[in-house]
Amino acid sequence: MDNSATLPPEPVIRDIAGHLEQIATAMTADGRPISAKGVVDVALLAVPHAQHVGVTLLRADRPPRSAAVTDEVPELLDSLQFELRDGPCLDAALGPPVLVSGDVGSDARWPRYGPRCVATSGVRSMLSLRLPMGGEDHAGLNFYSRDVDAFSDDDVVPGSLLVPFVALVLQAELHQQDVANLTTALDSARMISTAVGILMATHKISRDEAFEALRRTSMGLNIKLRHVADHVELTGVLPRPAAGPRSPGAQRP
């Protein structure tokens, strides 16, 4: 069986191979890991008719967001889909591996999103590919064009080949962010616990009273609780509103 008719032209295959090698090299280079932003920039070059590229990210118990974009257009259209809860990026992240629309403005699948997409950005064609994230994370790699019927198999093939690379880079980036957030949370908990102990010993009050003093100061000065705790840990006293440009002095709970 001759499969040559289903393959992109040889120059396109060479281009795709070059882009994949570029991503693979960047992913394995010591000290220079490629970012999700770097991957979508490469994807823009690899998919012939794309004018904008973005990654839509859905995480459990967190607001949806654009994880990486080549420019402001994907982020703008993600925000519109999040507002309407309607659109190909959301559907691709949660559903079929490939979604293509030749004219999203008249596409019956997204009656609310499509007309506003065209009016807002001028984008007509969209190609959305589901990223295999695993767990409770979901994401889609999305290509945009202002031309009608812009995307064909010549775009779907290289876009699909990029999918596992984009997913790996995004998963690694999210893992790094989660580790950083956990470290920050643990540091905050330690500082708050230490500050509570200092106030208990200094003012002979209960744990609940000491924590309430921290919380009340945080709300009154409109600063984060961890920053109040950090001040107590460093100075032994609660911060108070500044009377001038100098640092605040002590305040009893």
C-alpha atoms as a PDB file:
ATOM      1  CA  MET A   1       0.000   0.000   0.000  1.00  0.00           C
ATOM      2  CA  ASP A   2       1.349   3.414  -1.010  1.00  0.00           C
ATOM      3  CA  ASN A   3       1.076   5.899   1.853  1.00  0.00           C
ATOM      4  CA  SER A   4       2.968   8.682   0.091  1.00  0.00           C
ATOM      5  CA  ALA A   5      -0.219  10.602  -0.715  1.00  0.00           C
ATOM      6  CA  THR A   6      -0.964  11.054   2.995  1.00  0.00           C
ATOM      7  CA  LEU A   7       2.483  12.430   3.884  1.00  0.00           C
ATOM      8  CA  PRO A   8       3.541  16.083   3.676  1.00  0.00           C
ATOM      9  CA  PRO A   9       5.974  17.038   0.899  1.00  0.00           C
ATOM     10  CA  GLU A  10       9.620  16.164   1.545  1.00  0.00           C
ATOM     11  CA  PRO A  11      10.704  19.793   2.225  1.00  0.00           C
ATOM     12  CA  VAL A  12       7.943  20.067   4.847  1.00  0.00           C
ATOM     13  CA  ILE A  13       9.117  16.820   6.480  1.00  0.00           C
ATOM     14  CA  ARG A  14      12.668  18.163   6.609  1.00  0.00           C
ATOM     15  CA  ASP A  15      11.394  21.373   8.215  1.00  0.00           C
ATOM     16  CA  ILE A  16       9.398  19.411  10.801  1.00  0.00           C
ATOM     17  CA  ALA A  17      12.425  17.250  11.611  1.00  0.00           C
ATOM     18  CA  GLY A  18      14.519  20.368  12.057  1.00  0.00           C
ATOM     19  CA  HIS A  19      12.022  21.916  14.476  1.00  0.00           C
ATOM     20  CA  LEU A  20      11.735  18.691  16.466  1.00  0.00           C
ATOM     21  CA  GLU A  21      15.525  18.484  16.699  1.00  0.00           C
ATOM     22  CA  GLN A  22      15.606  22.093  17.886  1.00  0.00           C
ATOM     23  CA  ILE A  23      13.133  21.318  20.679  1.00  0.00           C
ATOM     24  CA  ALA A  24      14.851  18.055  21.660  1.00  0.00           C
ATOM     25  CA  THR A  25      18.237  19.770  21.825  1.00  0.00           C
ATOM     26  CA  ALA A  26      16.861  22.581  23.961  1.00  0.00           C
ATOM     27  CA  MET A  27      15.136  20.105  26.286  1.00  0.00           C
ATOM     28  CA  THR A  28      18.357  18.176  26.929  1.00  0.00           C
ATOM     29  CA  ALA A  29      20.898  21.015  27.008  1.00  0.00           C
ATOM     30  CA  ASP A  30      22.492  21.388  30.453  1.00  0.00           C
ATOM     31  CA  GLY A  31      21.349  24.516  32.225  1.00  0.00           C
ATOM     32  CA  ARG A  32      19.187  25.683  29.333  1.00  0.00           C
ATOM     33  CA  PRO A  33      15.819  23.918  29.581  1.00  0.00           C
ATOM     34  CA  ILE A  34      13.350  25.142  26.980  1.00  0.00           C
ATOM     35  CA  SER A  35      10.284  26.906  28.357  1.00  0.00           C
ATOM     36  CA  ALA A  36       6.665  26.481  27.290  1.00  0.00           C
ATOM     37  CA  LYS A  37       6.993  29.920  25.683  1.00  0.00           C
ATOM     38  CA  GLY A  38       9.980  28.654  23.708  1.00  0.00           C
ATOM     39  CA  VAL A  39       8.022  25.640  22.482  1.00  0.00           C
ATOM     40  CA  VAL A  40       5.070  27.669  21.188  1.00  0.00           C
ATOM     41  CA  ASP A  41       7.489  29.971  19.379  1.00  0.00           C
ATOM     42  CA  VAL A  42       8.923  26.914  17.619  1.00  0.00           C
ATOM     43  CA  ALA A  43       5.404  25.615  16.934  1.00  0.00           C
ATOM     44  CA  LEU A  44       4.574  28.864  15.158  1.00  0.00           C
ATOM     45  CA  LEU A  45       7.457  28.191  12.752  1.00  0.00           C
ATOM     46  CA  ALA A  46       6.625  24.501  12.322  1.00  0.00           C
ATOM     47  CA  VAL A  47       2.940  24.834  11.381  1.00  0.00           C
ATOM     48  CA  PRO A  48       2.830  26.494   7.957  1.00  0.00           C
ATOM     49  CA  HIS A  49      -0.387  28.511   8.133  1.00  0.00           C
ATOM     50  CA  ALA A  50      -0.419  29.494  11.814  1.00  0.00           C
ATOM     51  CA  GLN A  51      -0.245  33.199  12.657  1.00  0.00           C
ATOM     52  CA  HIS A  52      -0.584  32.824  16.445  1.00  0.00           C
ATOM     53  CA  VAL A  53      -0.047  29.910  18.862  1.00  0.00           C
ATOM     54  CA  GLY A  54      -1.055  29.383  22.476  1.00  0.00           C
ATOM     55  CA  VAL A  55      -1.512  26.714  25.141  1.00  0.00           C
ATOM     56  CA  THR A  56      -4.755  26.617  27.145  1.00  0.00           C
ATOM     57  CA  LEU A  57      -4.356  25.100  30.610  1.00  0.00           C
ATOM     58  CA  LEU A  58      -7.066  23.707  32.883  1.00  0.00           C
ATOM     59  CA  ARG A  59      -6.047  22.609  36.416  1.00  0.00           C
ATOM     60  CA  ALA A  60      -8.300  21.287  39.178  1.00  0.00           C
ATOM     61  CA  ASP A  61      -9.362  23.899  41.746  1.00  0.00           C
ATOM     62  CA  ARG A  62      -7.535  26.677  39.885  1.00  0.00           C
ATOM     63  CA  PRO A  63      -8.697  29.279  37.366  1.00  0.00           C
ATOM     64  CA  PRO A  64      -8.065  28.335  33.727  1.00  0.00           C
ATOM     65  CA  ARG A  65      -5.251  30.261  32.076  1.00  0.00           C
ATOM     66  CA  SER A  66      -3.005  30.621  29.068  1.00  0.00           C
ATOM     67  CA  ALA A  67       0.157  28.677  29.919  1.00  0.00           C
ATOM     68  CA  ALA A  68       2.189  30.042  26.995  1.00  0.00           C
ATOM     69  CA  VAL A  69       1.481  32.319  24.022  1.00  0.00           C
ATOM     70  CA  THR A  70       3.369  33.728  21.067  1.00  0.00           C
ATOM     71  CA  ASP A  71       1.598  37.087  21.421  1.00  0.00           C
ATOM     72  CA  GLU A  72      -1.496  38.721  22.913  1.00  0.00           C
ATOM     73  CA  VAL A  73      -4.083  37.161  20.564  1.00  0.00           C
ATOM     74  CA  PRO A  74      -4.195  33.611  22.059  1.00  0.00           C
ATOM     75  CA  GLU A  75      -4.408  35.052  25.572  1.00  0.00           C
ATOM     76  CA  LEU A  76      -7.231  37.371  24.511  1.00  0.00           C
ATOM     77  CA  LEU A  77      -9.187  34.503  22.942  1.00  0.00           C
ATOM     78  CA  ASP A  78      -8.546  32.205  25.905  1.00  0.00           C
ATOM     79  CA  SER A  79      -9.984  34.875  28.204  1.00  0.00           C
ATOM     80  CA  LEU A  80     -13.051  35.103  25.977  1.00  0.00           C
ATOM     81  CA  GLN A  81     -13.554  31.328  26.096  1.00  0.00           C
ATOM     82  CA  PHE A  82     -13.118  31.267  29.870  1.00  0.00           C
ATOM     83  CA  GLU A  83     -15.753  33.988  30.164  1.00  0.00           C
ATOM     84  CA  LEU A  84     -18.228  32.233  27.858  1.00  0.00           C
ATOM     85  CA  ARG A  85     -17.272  28.654  28.803  1.00  0.00           C
ATOM     86  CA  ASP A  86     -17.462  27.939  25.108  1.00  0.00           C
ATOM     87  CA  GLY A  87     -14.832  27.425  22.412  1.00  0.00           C
ATOM     88  CA  PRO A  88     -12.516  24.985  20.601  1.00  0.00           C
ATOM     89  CA  CYS A  89      -9.575  25.429  23.004  1.00  0.00           C
ATOM     90  CA  LEU A  90     -11.679  24.294  25.947  1.00  0.00           C
ATOM     91  CA  ASP A  91     -13.199  21.429  23.959  1.00  0.00           C
ATOM     92  CA  ALA A  92      -9.814  20.210  22.699  1.00  0.00           C
ATOM     93  CA  ALA A  93      -8.252  20.340  26.162  1.00  0.00           C
ATOM     94  CA  LEU A  94     -10.989  18.069  27.510  1.00  0.00           C
ATOM     95  CA  GLY A  95     -12.081  16.056  24.492  1.00  0.00           C
ATOM     96  CA  PRO A  96     -11.015  14.923  21.015  1.00  0.00           C
ATOM     97  CA  PRO A  97      -7.337  14.895  19.981  1.00  0.00           C
ATOM     98  CA  VAL A  98      -7.904  17.254  17.033  1.00  0.00           C
ATOM     99  CA  LEU A  99     -10.410  20.037  16.374  1.00  0.00           C
ATOM    100  CA  VAL A 100     -10.356  22.141  13.216  1.00  0.00           C
ATOM    101  CA  SER A 101     -12.593  25.045  12.277  1.00  0.00           C
ATOM    102  CA  GLY A 102     -12.310  26.728   8.884  1.00  0.00           C
ATOM    103  CA  ASP A 103     -14.485  29.648   9.933  1.00  0.00           C
ATOM    104  CA  VAL A 104     -15.127  29.810  13.646  1.00  0.00           C
ATOM    105  CA  GLY A 105     -17.428  32.805  13.156  1.00  0.00           C
ATOM    106  CA  SER A 106     -20.069  30.622  11.510  1.00  0.00           C
ATOM    107  CA  ASP A 107     -19.225  27.321  13.201  1.00  0.00           C
ATOM    108  CA  ALA A 108     -22.372  25.896  14.848  1.00  0.00           C
ATOM    109  CA  ARG A 109     -20.291  24.119  17.491  1.00  0.00           C
ATOM    110  CA  TRP A 110     -19.416  27.411  19.232  1.00  0.00           C
ATOM    111  CA  PRO A 111     -22.331  29.792  18.602  1.00  0.00           C
ATOM    112  CA  ARG A 112     -21.436  32.204  21.403  1.00  0.00           C
ATOM    113  CA  TYR A 113     -17.688  32.204  21.062  1.00  0.00           C
ATOM    114  CA  GLY A 114     -17.291  32.228  17.271  1.00  0.00           C
ATOM    115  CA  PRO A 115     -18.833  35.608  16.360  1.00  0.00           C
ATOM    116  CA  ARG A 116     -17.129  37.337  19.277  1.00  0.00           C
ATOM    117  CA  CYS A 117     -13.798  35.741  18.363  1.00  0.00           C
ATOM    118  CA  VAL A 118     -13.995  37.198  14.862  1.00  0.00           C
ATOM    119  CA  ALA A 119     -15.188  40.585  16.091  1.00  0.00           C
ATOM    120  CA  THR A 120     -12.516  40.764  18.777  1.00  0.00           C
ATOM    121  CA  SER A 121      -9.448  39.452  16.947  1.00  0.00           C
ATOM    122  CA  GLY A 122     -10.244  38.837  13.285  1.00  0.00           C
ATOM    123  CA  VAL A 123      -9.287  35.172  13.742  1.00  0.00           C
ATOM    124  CA  ARG A 124     -11.275  32.868  11.449  1.00  0.00           C
ATOM    125  CA  SER A 125      -9.508  29.498  11.397  1.00  0.00           C
ATOM    126  CA  MET A 126      -8.468  27.503  14.457  1.00  0.00           C
ATOM    127  CA  LEU A 127      -6.618  24.225  14.913  1.00  0.00           C
ATOM    128  CA  SER A 128      -6.709  22.829  18.479  1.00  0.00           C
ATOM    129  CA  LEU A 129      -4.824  19.719  19.622  1.00  0.00           C
ATOM    130  CA  ARG A 130      -5.277  18.006  22.987  1.00  0.00           C
ATOM    131  CA  LEU A 131      -2.099  17.636  25.066  1.00  0.00           C
ATOM    132  CA  PRO A 132      -1.708  14.339  27.012  1.00  0.00           C
ATOM    133  CA  MET A 133      -1.116  15.778  30.494  1.00  0.00           C
ATOM    134  CA  GLY A 134      -2.239  12.991  32.828  1.00  0.00           C
ATOM    135  CA  GLY A 135      -3.850  13.311  36.236  1.00  0.00           C
ATOM    136  CA  GLU A 136      -6.305  16.179  36.688  1.00  0.00           C
ATOM    137  CA  ASP A 137      -4.473  18.581  34.382  1.00  0.00           C
ATOM    138  CA  HIS A 138      -5.840  19.244  30.893  1.00  0.00           C
ATOM    139  CA  ALA A 139      -4.385  21.382  28.126  1.00  0.00           C
ATOM    140  CA  GLY A 140      -4.665  22.171  24.443  1.00  0.00           C
ATOM    141  CA  LEU A 141      -2.194  23.433  21.843  1.00  0.00           C
ATOM    142  CA  ASN A 142      -3.982  25.985  19.671  1.00  0.00           C
ATOM    143  CA  PHE A 143      -3.140  27.534  16.295  1.00  0.00           C
ATOM    144  CA  TYR A 144      -4.904  30.609  14.914  1.00  0.00           C
ATOM    145  CA  SER A 145      -5.194  32.282  11.524  1.00  0.00           C
ATOM    146  CA  ARG A 146      -7.139  35.257  10.207  1.00  0.00           C
ATOM    147  CA  ASP A 147      -7.640  33.402   6.908  1.00  0.00           C
ATOM    148  CA  VAL A 148     -10.704  31.244   6.220  1.00  0.00           C
ATOM    149  CA  ASP A 149      -9.992  27.501   5.794  1.00  0.00           C
ATOM    150  CA  ALA A 150      -6.345  28.109   6.649  1.00  0.00           C
ATOM    151  CA  PHE A 151      -5.466  24.726   8.161  1.00  0.00           C
ATOM    152  CA  SER A 152      -5.027  21.451   6.257  1.00  0.00           C
ATOM    153  CA  ASP A 153      -3.209  18.159   6.815  1.00  0.00           C
ATOM    154  CA  ASP A 154       0.029  20.048   6.161  1.00  0.00           C
ATOM    155  CA  ASP A 155      -0.658  21.842   9.464  1.00  0.00           C
ATOM    156  CA  VAL A 156      -2.247  18.984  11.436  1.00  0.00           C
ATOM    157  CA  VAL A 157       0.712  16.635  10.840  1.00  0.00           C
ATOM    158  CA  PRO A 158       3.488  18.891  12.197  1.00  0.00           C
ATOM    159  CA  GLY A 159       1.191  20.180  14.934  1.00  0.00           C
ATOM    160  CA  SER A 160       0.451  16.625  16.060  1.00  0.00           C
ATOM    161  CA  LEU A 161       4.138  15.719  16.030  1.00  0.00           C
ATOM    162  CA  LEU A 162       4.811  18.629  18.357  1.00  0.00           C
ATOM    163  CA  VAL A 163       2.128  17.580  20.860  1.00  0.00           C
ATOM    164  CA  PRO A 164       4.242  15.203  23.014  1.00  0.00           C
ATOM    165  CA  PHE A 165       7.109  17.700  23.180  1.00  0.00           C
ATOM    166  CA  VAL A 166       4.806  20.525  24.243  1.00  0.00           C
ATOM    167  CA  ALA A 167       3.167  18.274  26.849  1.00  0.00           C
ATOM    168  CA  LEU A 168       6.532  17.218  28.332  1.00  0.00           C
ATOM    169  CA  VAL A 169       7.808  20.792  28.568  1.00  0.00           C
ATOM    170  CA  LEU A 170       4.540  22.030  30.076  1.00  0.00           C
ATOM    171  CA  GLN A 171       4.446  19.203  32.638  1.00  0.00           C
ATOM    172  CA  ALA A 172       8.028  19.958  33.686  1.00  0.00           C
ATOM    173  CA  GLU A 173       7.262  23.667  34.026  1.00  0.00           C
ATOM    174  CA  LEU A 174       4.127  23.015  36.090  1.00  0.00           C
ATOM    175  CA  HIS A 175       6.076  20.646  38.346  1.00  0.00           C
ATOM    176  CA  GLN A 176       8.683  23.337  38.986  1.00  0.00           C
ATOM    177  CA  GLN A 177       5.938  25.854  39.778  1.00  0.00           C
ATOM    178  CA  ASP A 178       4.205  23.421  42.142  1.00  0.00           C
ATOM    179  CA  VAL A 179       7.461  22.703  43.984  1.00  0.00           C
ATOM    180  CA  ALA A 180       8.152  26.436  44.307  1.00  0.00           C
ATOM    181  CA  ASN A 181       4.619  27.086  45.590  1.00  0.00           C
ATOM    182  CA  LEU A 182       4.883  24.237  48.118  1.00  0.00           C
ATOM    183  CA  THR A 183       8.232  25.533  49.340  1.00  0.00           C
ATOM    184  CA  THR A 184       6.756  29.013  49.772  1.00  0.00           C
ATOM    185  CA  ALA A 185       3.764  27.601  51.658  1.00  0.00           C
ATOM    186  CA  LEU A 186       6.007  25.583  53.993  1.00  0.00           C
ATOM    187  CA  ASP A 187       8.229  28.614  54.628  1.00  0.00           C
ATOM    188  CA  SER A 188       5.139  30.706  55.388  1.00  0.00           C
ATOM    189  CA  ALA A 189       3.793  28.103  57.818  1.00  0.00           C
ATOM    190  CA  ARG A 190       7.149  27.950  59.602  1.00  0.00           C
ATOM    191  CA  MET A 191       7.365  31.743  59.921  1.00  0.00           C
ATOM    192  CA  ILE A 192       3.795  32.026  61.196  1.00  0.00           C
ATOM    193  CA  SER A 193       4.378  29.280  63.756  1.00  0.00           C
ATOM    194  CA  THR A 194       7.576  30.959  64.947  1.00  0.00           C
ATOM    195  CA  ALA A 195       5.872  34.364  65.177  1.00  0.00           C
ATOM    196  CA  VAL A 196       2.997  32.881  67.178  1.00  0.00           C
ATOM    197  CA  GLY A 197       5.500  31.383  69.621  1.00  0.00           C
ATOM    198  CA  ILE A 198       7.311  34.712  70.012  1.00  0.00           C
ATOM    199  CA  LEU A 199       4.082  36.593  70.752  1.00  0.00           C
ATOM    200  CA  MET A 200       2.941  33.900  73.199  1.00  0.00           C
ATOM    201  CA  ALA A 201       6.207  34.146  75.142  1.00  0.00           C
ATOM    202  CA  THR A 202       6.452  37.936  75.007  1.00  0.00           C
ATOM    203  CA  HIS A 203       2.860  38.801  75.961  1.00  0.00           C
ATOM    204  CA  LYS A 204       1.878  35.678  77.944  1.00  0.00           C
ATOM    205  CA  ILE A 205      -1.102  34.986  75.685  1.00  0.00           C
ATOM    206  CA  SER A 206      -2.594  31.840  74.201  1.00  0.00           C
ATOM    207  CA  ARG A 207      -1.796  30.421  70.768  1.00  0.00           C
ATOM    208  CA  ASP A 208      -5.209  31.485  69.454  1.00  0.00           C
ATOM    209  CA  GLU A 209      -4.735  35.030  70.790  1.00  0.00           C
ATOM    210  CA  ALA A 210      -1.268  35.263  69.224  1.00  0.00           C
ATOM    211  CA  PHE A 211      -2.523  34.079  65.827  1.00  0.00           C
ATOM    212  CA  GLU A 212      -5.461  36.487  66.030  1.00  0.00           C
ATOM    213  CA  ALA A 213      -2.996  39.331  66.686  1.00  0.00           C
ATOM    214  CA  LEU A 214      -1.100  38.360  63.531  1.00  0.00           C
ATOM    215  CA  ARG A 215      -4.279  38.096  61.499  1.00  0.00           C
ATOM    216  CA  ARG A 216      -5.661  41.409  62.794  1.00  0.00           C
ATOM    217  CA  THR A 217      -2.391  43.204  62.025  1.00  0.00           C
ATOM    218  CA  SER A 218      -2.296  41.676  58.530  1.00  0.00           C
ATOM    219  CA  MET A 219      -5.809  42.925  57.773  1.00  0.00           C
ATOM    220  CA  GLY A 220      -5.287  46.316  59.402  1.00  0.00           C
ATOM    221  CA  LEU A 221      -2.069  47.069  57.507  1.00  0.00           C
ATOM    222  CA  ASN A 222      -3.229  45.312  54.324  1.00  0.00           C
ATOM    223  CA  ILE A 223      -0.103  43.169  54.092  1.00  0.00           C
ATOM    224  CA  LYS A 224       0.238  39.411  53.795  1.00  0.00           C
ATOM    225  CA  LEU A 225       0.206  37.333  56.958  1.00  0.00           C
ATOM    226  CA  ARG A 226       3.605  35.827  56.134  1.00  0.00           C
ATOM    227  CA  HIS A 227       5.115  39.323  55.943  1.00  0.00           C
ATOM    228  CA  VAL A 228       3.698  40.183  59.369  1.00  0.00           C
ATOM    229  CA  ALA A 229       5.132  36.922  60.708  1.00  0.00           C
ATOM    230  CA  ASP A 230       8.491  37.639  59.085  1.00  0.00           C
ATOM    231  CA  HIS A 231       8.575  41.055  60.809  1.00  0.00           C
ATOM    232  CA  VAL A 232       7.812  39.469  64.185  1.00  0.00           C
ATOM    233  CA  GLU A 233      10.453  36.788  63.646  1.00  0.00           C
ATOM    234  CA  LEU A 234      13.075  39.445  62.838  1.00  0.00           C
ATOM    235  CA  THR A 235      12.135  42.101  65.426  1.00  0.00           C
ATOM    236  CA  GLY A 236      10.123  40.317  68.108  1.00  0.00           C
ATOM    237  CA  VAL A 237       7.213  42.778  67.752  1.00  0.00           C
ATOM    238  CA  LEU A 238       4.220  43.335  65.528  1.00  0.00           C
ATOM    239  CA  PRO A 239       4.490  45.991  62.830  1.00  0.00           C
ATOM    240  CA  ARG A 240       2.307  49.073  63.120  1.00  0.00           C
ATOM    241  CA  PRO A 241       1.265  51.813  60.662  1.00  0.00           C
ATOM    242  CA  ALA A 242       4.240  53.958  59.720  1.00  0.00           C
ATOM    243  CA  ALA A 243       4.175  57.509  61.064  1.00  0.00           C
ATOM    244  CA  GLY A 244       6.676  58.595  58.436  1.00  0.00           C
ATOM    245  CA  PRO A 245       9.134  57.188  55.920  1.00  0.00           C
ATOM    246  CA  ARG A 246      10.955  55.124  58.567  1.00  0.00           C
ATOM    247  CA  SER A 247      10.212  51.476  59.477  1.00  0.00           C
ATOM    248  CA  PRO A 248       7.319  50.903  61.921  1.00  0.00           C
ATOM    249  CA  GLY A 249       7.978  50.272  65.590  1.00  0.00           C
ATOM    250  CA  ALA A 250       6.490  47.885  68.079  1.00  0.00           C
ATOM    251  CA  GLN A 251       2.837  47.217  68.783  1.00  0.00           C
ATOM    252  CA  ARG A 252       1.291  45.050  71.457  1.00  0.00           C
ATOM    253  CA  PRO A 253      -1.333  42.557  70.362  1.00  0.00           C
END
